[in-house]
Protein backbone atom coordinates (compact mmCIF):
# COMPACT_ATOMS: atom_id res chain seq x y z
CA MET A 1 48.79 -51.97 45.45
CA PRO A 2 46.21 -50.10 43.33
CA HIS A 3 44.67 -51.83 40.35
CA ASP A 4 46.40 -50.91 37.06
CA PRO A 5 44.10 -51.65 34.08
CA PHE A 6 47.01 -51.21 31.64
CA ARG A 7 49.33 -53.61 33.43
CA THR A 8 49.24 -56.31 30.76
CA LEU A 9 49.68 -53.78 27.97
CA ARG A 10 52.89 -52.57 29.56
CA GLY A 11 54.18 -56.12 29.93
CA PHE A 12 54.05 -56.12 33.72
CA ALA A 13 51.68 -59.05 34.09
CA ALA A 14 52.85 -61.33 36.86
CA ALA A 15 54.13 -64.74 35.88
CA ALA A 16 51.28 -66.34 37.82
CA GLU A 17 48.75 -64.45 35.68
CA LYS A 18 50.20 -65.78 32.44
CA THR A 19 49.12 -69.17 31.22
CA ALA A 20 51.41 -71.85 29.89
CA GLU A 21 49.04 -72.36 26.97
CA PRO A 22 50.44 -71.66 23.51
CA GLN A 23 49.24 -68.46 21.88
CA HIS A 24 47.82 -68.12 18.40
CA VAL A 25 50.33 -67.02 15.79
CA ARG A 26 48.11 -64.10 14.75
CA LYS A 27 48.17 -62.71 18.29
CA VAL A 28 51.94 -63.07 18.59
CA LEU A 29 52.50 -61.44 15.19
CA SER A 30 50.16 -58.55 15.93
CA GLU A 31 51.97 -57.89 19.23
CA LEU A 32 55.34 -58.05 17.48
CA ILE A 33 54.22 -55.65 14.76
CA ALA A 34 52.91 -53.23 17.38
CA LEU A 35 56.06 -53.43 19.50
CA LYS A 36 58.46 -52.94 16.59
CA GLY A 37 56.39 -50.18 14.95
CA LEU A 38 56.25 -52.00 11.62
CA ALA A 39 52.73 -50.81 10.87
CA ARG A 40 53.99 -47.22 10.64
CA VAL A 41 55.97 -48.06 7.50
CA GLN A 42 52.79 -48.96 5.68
CA SER A 43 50.92 -45.92 6.97
CA THR A 44 53.74 -43.60 5.87
CA GLU A 45 53.60 -45.13 2.41
CA GLN A 46 49.84 -44.59 2.31
CA LEU A 47 50.34 -40.95 3.31
CA GLN A 48 52.97 -40.58 0.59
CA GLN A 49 50.58 -41.98 -2.02
CA ALA A 50 47.83 -39.62 -0.83
CA TRP A 51 50.22 -36.67 -1.02
CA ARG A 52 51.36 -37.58 -4.54
CA SER A 53 47.81 -37.93 -5.79
CA VAL A 54 46.93 -34.46 -4.45
CA ALA A 55 50.21 -32.69 -5.24
CA GLY A 56 50.71 -34.11 -8.72
CA ALA A 57 53.69 -35.72 -10.41
CA GLU A 58 56.11 -32.79 -10.41
CA LEU A 59 55.52 -31.72 -6.80
CA GLY A 60 55.51 -35.38 -5.77
CA ARG A 61 59.07 -35.75 -7.08
CA LYS A 62 60.27 -32.66 -5.26
CA SER A 63 58.60 -33.39 -1.92
CA ARG A 64 58.03 -36.24 0.53
CA VAL A 65 55.73 -36.87 3.48
CA LEU A 66 57.75 -36.90 6.68
CA LYS A 67 55.05 -37.71 9.22
CA LEU A 68 51.51 -37.07 10.36
CA THR A 69 51.32 -35.86 13.94
CA ARG A 70 48.13 -34.73 15.67
CA GLY A 71 46.45 -33.93 12.38
CA VAL A 72 49.40 -31.98 10.97
CA LEU A 73 50.94 -33.39 7.80
CA ASN A 74 54.66 -32.58 7.70
CA VAL A 75 56.01 -32.50 4.16
CA GLY A 76 59.69 -32.17 3.27
CA VAL A 77 60.50 -30.13 0.17
CA SER A 78 63.71 -30.05 -1.86
CA ASN A 79 64.38 -26.29 -1.97
CA SER A 80 63.40 -23.05 -0.27
CA ALA A 81 61.73 -21.55 -3.34
CA LEU A 82 59.34 -24.51 -3.52
CA LEU A 83 58.75 -24.31 0.23
CA ASN A 84 57.73 -20.66 -0.04
CA GLU A 85 55.52 -21.31 -3.07
CA LEU A 86 53.72 -24.22 -1.43
CA ALA A 87 53.26 -22.47 1.91
CA GLY A 88 52.22 -19.16 0.39
CA PHE A 89 50.13 -20.08 -2.64
CA HIS A 90 49.15 -23.77 -2.70
CA LYS A 91 48.72 -24.83 0.93
CA GLN A 92 45.00 -24.13 1.22
CA ALA A 93 44.10 -25.80 -2.10
CA LEU A 94 46.20 -28.87 -1.24
CA LEU A 95 44.58 -29.07 2.20
CA GLU A 96 41.09 -28.87 0.67
CA GLN A 97 41.91 -31.65 -1.80
CA LEU A 98 43.23 -33.82 1.03
CA HIS A 99 39.99 -33.22 2.94
CA GLN A 100 37.88 -34.15 -0.08
CA GLN A 101 39.79 -37.22 -1.25
CA PHE A 102 41.22 -38.52 2.04
CA ALA A 103 38.83 -37.37 4.78
CA HIS A 104 39.58 -40.52 6.81
CA LEU A 105 43.14 -39.25 7.42
CA LYS A 106 41.75 -36.26 9.37
CA ILE A 107 44.49 -33.88 8.25
CA GLN A 108 43.92 -30.43 9.76
CA ASP A 109 47.02 -28.60 8.57
CA ILE A 110 50.12 -28.96 6.38
CA ARG A 111 53.60 -27.83 7.39
CA PHE A 112 56.39 -27.70 4.88
CA ARG A 113 59.99 -28.37 5.93
CA LEU A 114 63.19 -27.85 3.95
CA LYS A 115 64.82 -31.24 3.26
CA THR A 116 67.64 -30.81 0.75
CA ASP A 117 68.44 -34.54 0.81
CA LEU A 118 65.27 -35.50 -1.12
CA LYS A 119 65.93 -37.49 -4.27
């Protein structure tokens, strides 16, 4: 059987390889957080705060960050008129502000999506 360096990450470690020693709580909690995806909730909130600081109060109320995938920030907007305005007139300025203020997020593009259920 070929050696699989990611075997333990996938949870396929053989019972003989595991020790009966107790694990530190911090290790167990970090594995649980990673498995359940709980860290994404915080990162989405951080993206939302970054978006609101760049977009301003009024646009922040009418839009919401949906996700960040491969450098593309997906933003849901409340109506089609706002979607067209943001995509046509404000996209480049918002992207430049995100680059200046939040360079660590490495956002390369913004896509606006119609989400009428925003409140």
